[in-house]
Amino acid sequence: MFGRRRNAGDRDVDAAADVTAQLSDEIDDDEGGPGGLAPRTAGPWDAAEPHSDVQRVDLGSLQVPVLPGLDIQLVFAEQHGAWVTVRHETSELQLQAFAAPKRDSLWDDVRAEIAAEVNAAGGVSSERPGPFGTELIAHVPVEQGQPQSGMRPVRFAGVDGPRWFLRGLFSGAAADDARAAAPLEDLMRQLVVVRGDHPVPPRDLLELRLPPEAAQALAEEQARAEQENRFNTPPNPFERGPEFTETR
């Protein structure tokens, strides 16, 4: 699906001229603004735009507001990159930020691509207006690629910002219940995207990382594990590995 991190072999197959042109477009544009995008009057916000001083956890390209009753996790997957998962009761919101061209938007094209993938997997989808613009409402197989397993609702929202694109995936109760979705939508409105000044090809994931205190805790956990291995302590296969969670 859109957002999968490409490996080195994939990049070698890409047309080098296209990538160079995309990067040059970012470097040579002296305006520093969102180009052809209309000015936005509501969040999620770019780091350079005025935004509230609500407490946020710094996860690199995403600064996620810490709000009551919401559980924040940063998930790393080798094949699909990283994403932020926010949970509230029986609802979940997955967030990813991508690089985008200065003078163009991505959501229209991405939305069509997602719809095609949903249909190919045996699901159905339709568009409707939402709080962040046009959204894609889909029913996808409970088991990937197996429509006979039953269907579950999901909801895709997209926001085009200055040189970035943010995708949100609502699932659980928030996919089709406005009241259940409200706390997660509020978080998304207060989200801050940190694009950075370095050139990144459009559609590449923007980097997510653990906050310093969580990264230090992870390093200490790994050091303790290495120390235990020195004494041939067998690992416990039922013990959960380290993870970052922020709950308020």
Foldseek 3Di string as FASTA:
>chain_A
DQQWADDPVVVVPDDPVVQVVQLCQLVVDPPQALAQDDDDDFDPAAPPDDADPAQFFAFAQKTFHADAQKKWWWDADPGRGIWIWIDHDQKIKIKFKWFAGSHDFCPVVVLVVVQVVQVVLVKHWDWDQDPQGIKIKIWHAPDTSDCVNDTFIKIWDWHGGRRMIMIMIMGTPLRPPVVNVVVVVVRRRRMYGHQDSHGDRTSHTGDTHHGPVLVVVLVVVVVVVVVVVVVVDDDDPPDDHDIDMDHD
